């Protein structure tokens, strides 16, 4: 599963309530980070936000890479 596919699946799961109805969650309401154990920094999580997040959420962007980000605390 690509990062984009995993993110879409996670957002779909978060979007459903117990009755099975769905709500839309815009990118600006999401806080997304990935674990990158190869990072030399103490914090190994890398935020995905802004345009990088929007690209990952859009259809057909499975190859998009996270390019932004501060560290997750």
PDB file of N, CA and C in Angstrom:
ATOM      1  N   UNK A   1       0.851  -1.168   0.000  1.00  0.00           N
ATOM      2  CA  UNK A   1       0.000   0.000   0.000  1.00  0.00           C
ATOM      3  C   UNK A   1       0.901   1.236   0.000  1.00  0.00           C
ATOM      4  N   UNK A   2       0.599   2.163  -0.877  1.00  0.00           N
ATOM      5  CA  UNK A   2       1.376   3.401  -0.920  1.00  0.00           C
ATOM      6  C   UNK A   2       0.955   4.314   0.222  1.00  0.00           C
ATOM      7  N   UNK A   3       1.735   5.348   0.440  1.00  0.00           N
ATOM      8  CA  UNK A   3       1.401   6.328   1.465  1.00  0.00           C
ATOM      9  C   UNK A   3       0.054   6.973   1.155  1.00  0.00           C
ATOM     10  N   UNK A   4      -0.184   7.334  -0.095  1.00  0.00           N
ATOM     11  CA  UNK A   4      -1.452   7.954  -0.486  1.00  0.00           C
ATOM     12  C   UNK A   4      -2.624   7.012  -0.233  1.00  0.00           C
ATOM     13  N   UNK A   5      -2.468   5.740  -0.550  1.00  0.00           N
ATOM     14  CA  UNK A   5      -3.534   4.764  -0.321  1.00  0.00           C
ATOM     15  C   UNK A   5      -3.812   4.587   1.171  1.00  0.00           C
ATOM     16  N   UNK A   6      -2.758   4.508   1.961  1.00  0.00           N
ATOM     17  CA  UNK A   6      -2.921   4.354   3.407  1.00  0.00           C
ATOM     18  C   UNK A   6      -3.594   5.584   4.015  1.00  0.00           C
ATOM     19  N   UNK A   7      -3.219   6.760   3.554  1.00  0.00           N
ATOM     20  CA  UNK A   7      -3.814   7.994   4.046  1.00  0.00           C
ATOM     21  C   UNK A   7      -5.291   8.069   3.683  1.00  0.00           C
ATOM     22  N   UNK A   8      -5.618   7.721   2.445  1.00  0.00           N
ATOM     23  CA  UNK A   8      -7.026   7.719   2.029  1.00  0.00           C
ATOM     24  C   UNK A   8      -7.844   6.752   2.871  1.00  0.00           C
ATOM     25  N   UNK A   9      -7.310   5.578   3.138  1.00  0.00           N
ATOM     26  CA  UNK A   9      -8.004   4.589   3.950  1.00  0.00           C
ATOM     27  C   UNK A   9      -8.223   5.114   5.377  1.00  0.00           C
ATOM     28  N   UNK A  10      -7.210   5.741   5.945  1.00  0.00           N
ATOM     29  CA  UNK A  10      -7.324   6.297   7.288  1.00  0.00           C
ATOM     30  C   UNK A  10      -8.383   7.396   7.340  1.00  0.00           C
ATOM     31  N   UNK A  11      -8.396   8.275   6.351  1.00  0.00           N
ATOM     32  CA  UNK A  11      -9.378   9.359   6.317  1.00  0.00           C
ATOM     33  C   UNK A  11     -10.787   8.791   6.134  1.00  0.00           C
ATOM     34  N   UNK A  12     -10.930   7.764   5.305  1.00  0.00           N
ATOM     35  CA  UNK A  12     -12.236   7.129   5.144  1.00  0.00           C
ATOM     36  C   UNK A  12     -12.716   6.548   6.465  1.00  0.00           C
ATOM     37  N   UNK A  13     -11.828   5.907   7.196  1.00  0.00           N
ATOM     38  CA  UNK A  13     -12.202   5.321   8.483  1.00  0.00           C
ATOM     39  C   UNK A  13     -12.602   6.403   9.482  1.00  0.00           C
ATOM     40  N   UNK A  14     -11.867   7.503   9.504  1.00  0.00           N
ATOM     41  CA  UNK A  14     -12.196   8.602  10.407  1.00  0.00           C
ATOM     42  C   UNK A  14     -13.494   9.310  10.010  1.00  0.00           C
ATOM     43  N   UNK A  15     -13.850   9.234   8.749  1.00  0.00           N
ATOM     44  CA  UNK A  15     -15.014   9.940   8.231  1.00  0.00           C
ATOM     45  C   UNK A  15     -16.327   9.248   8.532  1.00  0.00           C
ATOM     46  N   UNK A  16     -16.298   7.984   8.898  1.00  0.00           N
ATOM     47  CA  UNK A  16     -17.528   7.224   9.137  1.00  0.00           C
ATOM     48  C   UNK A  16     -17.920   7.261  10.603  1.00  0.00           C
ATOM     49  N   UNK A  17     -19.216   7.440  10.832  1.00  0.00           N
ATOM     50  CA  UNK A  17     -19.682   7.342  12.209  1.00  0.00           C
ATOM     51  C   UNK A  17     -20.260   5.948  12.442  1.00  0.00           C
ATOM     52  N   UNK A  18     -20.771   5.707  13.612  1.00  0.00           N
ATOM     53  CA  UNK A  18     -21.254   4.367  13.956  1.00  0.00           C
ATOM     54  C   UNK A  18     -22.475   3.952  13.148  1.00  0.00           C
ATOM     55  N   UNK A  19     -23.184   4.903  12.557  1.00  0.00           N
ATOM     56  CA  UNK A  19     -24.346   4.598  11.715  1.00  0.00           C
ATOM     57  C   UNK A  19     -23.958   4.314  10.275  1.00  0.00           C
ATOM     58  N   UNK A  20     -22.685   4.471   9.937  1.00  0.00           N
ATOM     59  CA  UNK A  20     -22.215   4.228   8.585  1.00  0.00           C
ATOM     60  C   UNK A  20     -22.287   5.439   7.681  1.00  0.00           C
ATOM     61  N   UNK A  21     -22.795   6.560   8.183  1.00  0.00           N
ATOM     62  CA  UNK A  21     -22.828   7.760   7.346  1.00  0.00           C
ATOM     63  C   UNK A  21     -21.447   8.407   7.340  1.00  0.00           C
ATOM     64  N   UNK A  22     -21.178   9.120   6.256  1.00  0.00           N
ATOM     65  CA  UNK A  22     -19.854   9.724   6.097  1.00  0.00           C
ATOM     66  C   UNK A  22     -19.931  11.234   6.153  1.00  0.00           C
ATOM     67  N   UNK A  23     -18.850  11.842   6.602  1.00  0.00           N
ATOM     68  CA  UNK A  23     -18.694  13.289   6.576  1.00  0.00           C
ATOM     69  C   UNK A  23     -17.357  13.590   5.912  1.00  0.00           C
ATOM     70  N   UNK A  24     -17.257  14.730   5.309  1.00  0.00           N
ATOM     71  CA  UNK A  24     -16.008  15.113   4.660  1.00  0.00           C
ATOM     72  C   UNK A  24     -15.078  15.761   5.683  1.00  0.00           C
ATOM     73  N   UNK A  25     -13.829  15.348   5.656  1.00  0.00           N
ATOM     74  CA  UNK A  25     -12.814  15.955   6.518  1.00  0.00           C
ATOM     75  C   UNK A  25     -11.802  16.643   5.600  1.00  0.00           C
ATOM     76  N   UNK A  26     -11.795  17.974   5.580  1.00  0.00           N
ATOM     77  CA  UNK A  26     -10.845  18.684   4.712  1.00  0.00           C
ATOM     78  C   UNK A  26      -9.408  18.540   5.212  1.00  0.00           C
ATOM     79  N   UNK A  27      -8.471  18.690   4.317  1.00  0.00           N
ATOM     80  CA  UNK A  27      -7.049  18.526   4.642  1.00  0.00           C
ATOM     81  C   UNK A  27      -6.606  19.424   5.787  1.00  0.00           C
ATOM     82  N   UNK A  28      -7.136  20.640   5.841  1.00  0.00           N
ATOM     83  CA  UNK A  28      -6.703  21.563   6.897  1.00  0.00           C
ATOM     84  C   UNK A  28      -7.184  21.142   8.287  1.00  0.00           C
ATOM     85  N   UNK A  29      -8.085  20.171   8.365  1.00  0.00           N
ATOM     86  CA  UNK A  29      -8.561  19.666   9.659  1.00  0.00           C
ATOM     87  C   UNK A  29      -7.810  18.407  10.094  1.00  0.00           C
ATOM     88  N   UNK A  30      -6.903  17.925   9.255  1.00  0.00           N
ATOM     89  CA  UNK A  30      -6.152  16.714   9.553  1.00  0.00           C
ATOM     90  C   UNK A  30      -4.763  17.042  10.088  1.00  0.00           C
ATOM     91  N   UNK A  31      -4.292  16.235  10.997  1.00  0.00           N
ATOM     92  CA  UNK A  31      -2.910  16.316  11.460  1.00  0.00           C
ATOM     93  C   UNK A  31      -2.273  14.979  11.108  1.00  0.00           C
ATOM     94  N   UNK A  32      -1.330  15.018  10.164  1.00  0.00           N
ATOM     95  CA  UNK A  32      -0.765  13.790   9.604  1.00  0.00           C
ATOM     96  C   UNK A  32       0.752  13.802   9.776  1.00  0.00           C
ATOM     97  N   UNK A  33       1.284  12.654  10.177  1.00  0.00           N
ATOM     98  CA  UNK A  33       2.738  12.496  10.293  1.00  0.00           C
ATOM     99  C   UNK A  33       3.093  11.052   9.991  1.00  0.00           C
ATOM    100  N   UNK A  34       4.303  10.849   9.524  1.00  0.00           N
ATOM    101  CA  UNK A  34       4.804   9.504   9.261  1.00  0.00           C
ATOM    102  C   UNK A  34       6.087   9.296  10.072  1.00  0.00           C
ATOM    103  N   UNK A  35       6.305   8.069  10.437  1.00  0.00           N
ATOM    104  CA  UNK A  35       7.517   7.706  11.159  1.00  0.00           C
ATOM    105  C   UNK A  35       8.641   7.502  10.152  1.00  0.00           C
ATOM    106  N   UNK A  36       9.739   8.190  10.355  1.00  0.00           N
ATOM    107  CA  UNK A  36      10.909   8.056   9.487  1.00  0.00           C
ATOM    108  C   UNK A  36      12.114   7.776  10.382  1.00  0.00           C
ATOM    109  N   UNK A  37      12.397   6.517  10.572  1.00  0.00           N
ATOM    110  CA  UNK A  37      13.476   6.124  11.487  1.00  0.00           C
ATOM    111  C   UNK A  37      14.860   6.515  10.986  1.00  0.00           C
ATOM    112  N   UNK A  38      14.972   6.889   9.719  1.00  0.00           N
ATOM    113  CA  UNK A  38      16.269   7.265   9.164  1.00  0.00           C
ATOM    114  C   UNK A  38      16.611   8.731   9.426  1.00  0.00           C
ATOM    115  N   UNK A  39      15.680   9.498   9.968  1.00  0.00           N
ATOM    116  CA  UNK A  39      15.946  10.918  10.242  1.00  0.00           C
ATOM    117  C   UNK A  39      17.047  11.048  11.287  1.00  0.00           C
ATOM    118  N   UNK A  40      17.992  11.943  11.066  1.00  0.00           N
ATOM    119  CA  UNK A  40      19.065  12.124  12.036  1.00  0.00           C
ATOM    120  C   UNK A  40      18.609  12.875  13.296  1.00  0.00           C
ATOM    121  N   UNK A  41      17.466  13.574  13.208  1.00  0.00           N
ATOM    122  CA  UNK A  41      16.960  14.304  14.361  1.00  0.00           C
ATOM    123  C   UNK A  41      16.462  13.345  15.441  1.00  0.00           C
ATOM    124  N   UNK A  42      16.344  13.876  16.644  1.00  0.00           N
ATOM    125  CA  UNK A  42      15.829  13.078  17.752  1.00  0.00           C
ATOM    126  C   UNK A  42      14.388  12.649  17.478  1.00  0.00           C
ATOM    127  N   UNK A  43      13.596  13.562  16.948  1.00  0.00           N
ATOM    128  CA  UNK A  43      12.210  13.256  16.619  1.00  0.00           C
ATOM    129  C   UNK A  43      12.160  12.583  15.263  1.00  0.00           C
ATOM    130  N   UNK A  44      11.580  11.429  15.219  1.00  0.00           N
ATOM    131  CA  UNK A  44      11.563  10.621  14.007  1.00  0.00           C
ATOM    132  C   UNK A  44      10.286  10.766  13.195  1.00  0.00           C
ATOM    133  N   UNK A  45       9.330  11.546  13.688  1.00  0.00           N
ATOM    134  CA  UNK A  45       8.100  11.762  12.938  1.00  0.00           C
ATOM    135  C   UNK A  45       8.234  12.988  12.055  1.00  0.00           C
ATOM    136  N   UNK A  46       7.697  12.876  10.855  1.00  0.00           N
ATOM    137  CA  UNK A  46       7.736  13.964   9.890  1.00  0.00           C
ATOM    138  C   UNK A  46       6.304  14.351   9.543  1.00  0.00           C
ATOM    139  N   UNK A  47       5.981  15.608   9.744  1.00  0.00           N
ATOM    140  CA  UNK A  47       4.635  16.091   9.417  1.00  0.00           C
ATOM    141  C   UNK A  47       4.424  16.129   7.910  1.00  0.00           C
ATOM    142  N   UNK A  48       3.186  15.855   7.540  1.00  0.00           N
ATOM    143  CA  UNK A  48       2.759  16.039   6.155  1.00  0.00           C
ATOM    144  C   UNK A  48       1.647  17.072   6.217  1.00  0.00           C
ATOM    145  N   UNK A  49       1.864  18.201   5.575  1.00  0.00           N
ATOM    146  CA  UNK A  49       0.887  19.277   5.651  1.00  0.00           C
ATOM    147  C   UNK A  49       0.900  20.092   4.371  1.00  0.00           C
ATOM    148  N   UNK A  50      -0.035  21.013   4.288  1.00  0.00           N
ATOM    149  CA  UNK A  50      -0.093  21.913   3.145  1.00  0.00           C
ATOM    150  C   UNK A  50      -0.328  21.201   1.830  1.00  0.00           C
ATOM    151  N   UNK A  51       0.376  21.660   0.831  1.00  0.00           N
ATOM    152  CA  UNK A  51       0.203  21.114  -0.525  1.00  0.00           C
ATOM    153  C   UNK A  51       0.556  19.639  -0.616  1.00  0.00           C
ATOM    154  N   UNK A  52       1.553  19.205   0.140  1.00  0.00           N
ATOM    155  CA  UNK A  52       1.939  17.790   0.108  1.00  0.00           C
ATOM    156  C   UNK A  52       0.782  16.917   0.580  1.00  0.00           C
ATOM    157  N   UNK A  53       0.086  17.345   1.619  1.00  0.00           N
ATOM    158  CA  UNK A  53      -1.056  16.593   2.124  1.00  0.00           C
ATOM    159  C   UNK A  53      -2.199  16.606   1.123  1.00  0.00           C
ATOM    160  N   UNK A  54      -2.477  17.755   0.559  1.00  0.00           N
ATOM    161  CA  UNK A  54      -3.552  17.860  -0.438  1.00  0.00           C
ATOM    162  C   UNK A  54      -3.262  16.946  -1.622  1.00  0.00           C
ATOM    163  N   UNK A  55      -2.023  16.929  -2.088  1.00  0.00           N
ATOM    164  CA  UNK A  55      -1.652  16.060  -3.221  1.00  0.00           C
ATOM    165  C   UNK A  55      -1.870  14.594  -2.880  1.00  0.00           C
ATOM    166  N   UNK A  56      -1.529  14.203  -1.660  1.00  0.00           N
ATOM    167  CA  UNK A  56      -1.714  12.809  -1.256  1.00  0.00           C
ATOM    168  C   UNK A  56      -3.193  12.436  -1.191  1.00  0.00           C
ATOM    169  N   UNK A  57      -4.025  13.378  -0.797  1.00  0.00           N
ATOM    170  CA  UNK A  57      -5.453  13.102  -0.679  1.00  0.00           C
ATOM    171  C   UNK A  57      -6.178  13.100  -2.018  1.00  0.00           C
ATOM    172  N   UNK A  58      -5.622  13.773  -3.007  1.00  0.00           N
ATOM    173  CA  UNK A  58      -6.258  13.837  -4.324  1.00  0.00           C
ATOM    174  C   UNK A  58      -6.106  12.512  -5.061  1.00  0.00           C
ATOM    175  N   UNK A  59      -7.074  12.218  -5.864  1.00  0.00           N
ATOM    176  CA  UNK A  59      -7.037  10.989  -6.678  1.00  0.00           C
ATOM    177  C   UNK A  59      -5.874  11.050  -7.655  1.00  0.00           C
ATOM    178  N   UNK A  60      -5.214   9.928  -7.829  1.00  0.00           N
ATOM    179  CA  UNK A  60      -4.134   9.848  -8.804  1.00  0.00           C
ATOM    180  C   UNK A  60      -2.809  10.381  -8.323  1.00  0.00           C
ATOM    181  N   UNK A  61      -2.672  10.610  -7.014  1.00  0.00           N
ATOM    182  CA  UNK A  61      -1.416  11.175  -6.523  1.00  0.00           C
ATOM    183  C   UNK A  61      -0.653  10.188  -5.657  1.00  0.00           C
ATOM    184  N   UNK A  62      -0.746   8.933  -5.978  1.00  0.00           N
ATOM    185  CA  UNK A  62      -0.134   7.898  -5.145  1.00  0.00           C
ATOM    186  C   UNK A  62       1.381   8.031  -5.048  1.00  0.00           C
ATOM    187  N   UNK A  63       1.998   8.731  -6.008  1.00  0.00           N
ATOM    188  CA  UNK A  63       3.456   8.860  -5.989  1.00  0.00           C
ATOM    189  C   UNK A  63       3.950  10.099  -5.270  1.00  0.00           C
ATOM    190  N   UNK A  64       3.037  10.918  -4.765  1.00  0.00           N
ATOM    191  CA  UNK A  64       3.454  12.156  -4.109  1.00  0.00           C
ATOM    192  C   UNK A  64       4.213  11.834  -2.827  1.00  0.00           C
ATOM    193  N   UNK A  65       5.229  12.615  -2.564  1.00  0.00           N
ATOM    194  CA  UNK A  65       6.058  12.433  -1.365  1.00  0.00           C
ATOM    195  C   UNK A  65       5.835  13.597  -0.415  1.00  0.00           C
ATOM    196  N   UNK A  66       5.875  13.353   0.875  1.00  0.00           N
ATOM    197  CA  UNK A  66       5.775  14.472   1.812  1.00  0.00           C
ATOM    198  C   UNK A  66       7.004  15.356   1.700  1.00  0.00           C
ATOM    199  N   UNK A  67       6.789  16.655   1.523  1.00  0.00           N
ATOM    200  CA  UNK A  67       7.925  17.534   1.299  1.00  0.00           C
ATOM    201  C   UNK A  67       8.038  18.610   2.361  1.00  0.00           C
ATOM    202  N   UNK A  68       7.039  18.735   3.208  1.00  0.00           N
ATOM    203  CA  UNK A  68       7.085  19.819   4.159  1.00  0.00           C
ATOM    204  C   UNK A  68       7.253  19.265   5.542  1.00  0.00           C
ATOM    205  N   UNK A  69       7.436  20.186   6.448  1.00  0.00           N
ATOM    206  CA  UNK A  69       7.145  19.736   7.753  1.00  0.00           C
ATOM    207  C   UNK A  69       8.119  20.014   8.835  1.00  0.00           C
ATOM    208  N   UNK A  70       7.502  20.292   9.937  1.00  0.00           N
ATOM    209  CA  UNK A  70       8.235  20.378  11.170  1.00  0.00           C
ATOM    210  C   UNK A  70       8.191  19.026  11.849  1.00  0.00           C
ATOM    211  N   UNK A  71       8.720  18.982  13.005  1.00  0.00           N
ATOM    212  CA  UNK A  71       8.733  17.747  13.762  1.00  0.00           C
ATOM    213  C   UNK A  71       7.485  17.635  14.599  1.00  0.00           C
ATOM    214  N   UNK A  72       7.086  16.432  14.839  1.00  0.00           N
ATOM    215  CA  UNK A  72       5.946  16.162  15.709  1.00  0.00           C
ATOM    216  C   UNK A  72       6.463  16.016  17.113  1.00  0.00           C
ATOM    217  N   UNK A  73       5.803  16.659  18.049  1.00  0.00           N
ATOM    218  CA  UNK A  73       6.250  16.571  19.442  1.00  0.00           C
ATOM    219  C   UNK A  73       5.590  15.455  20.153  1.00  0.00           C
TER     220      UNK A  73
END
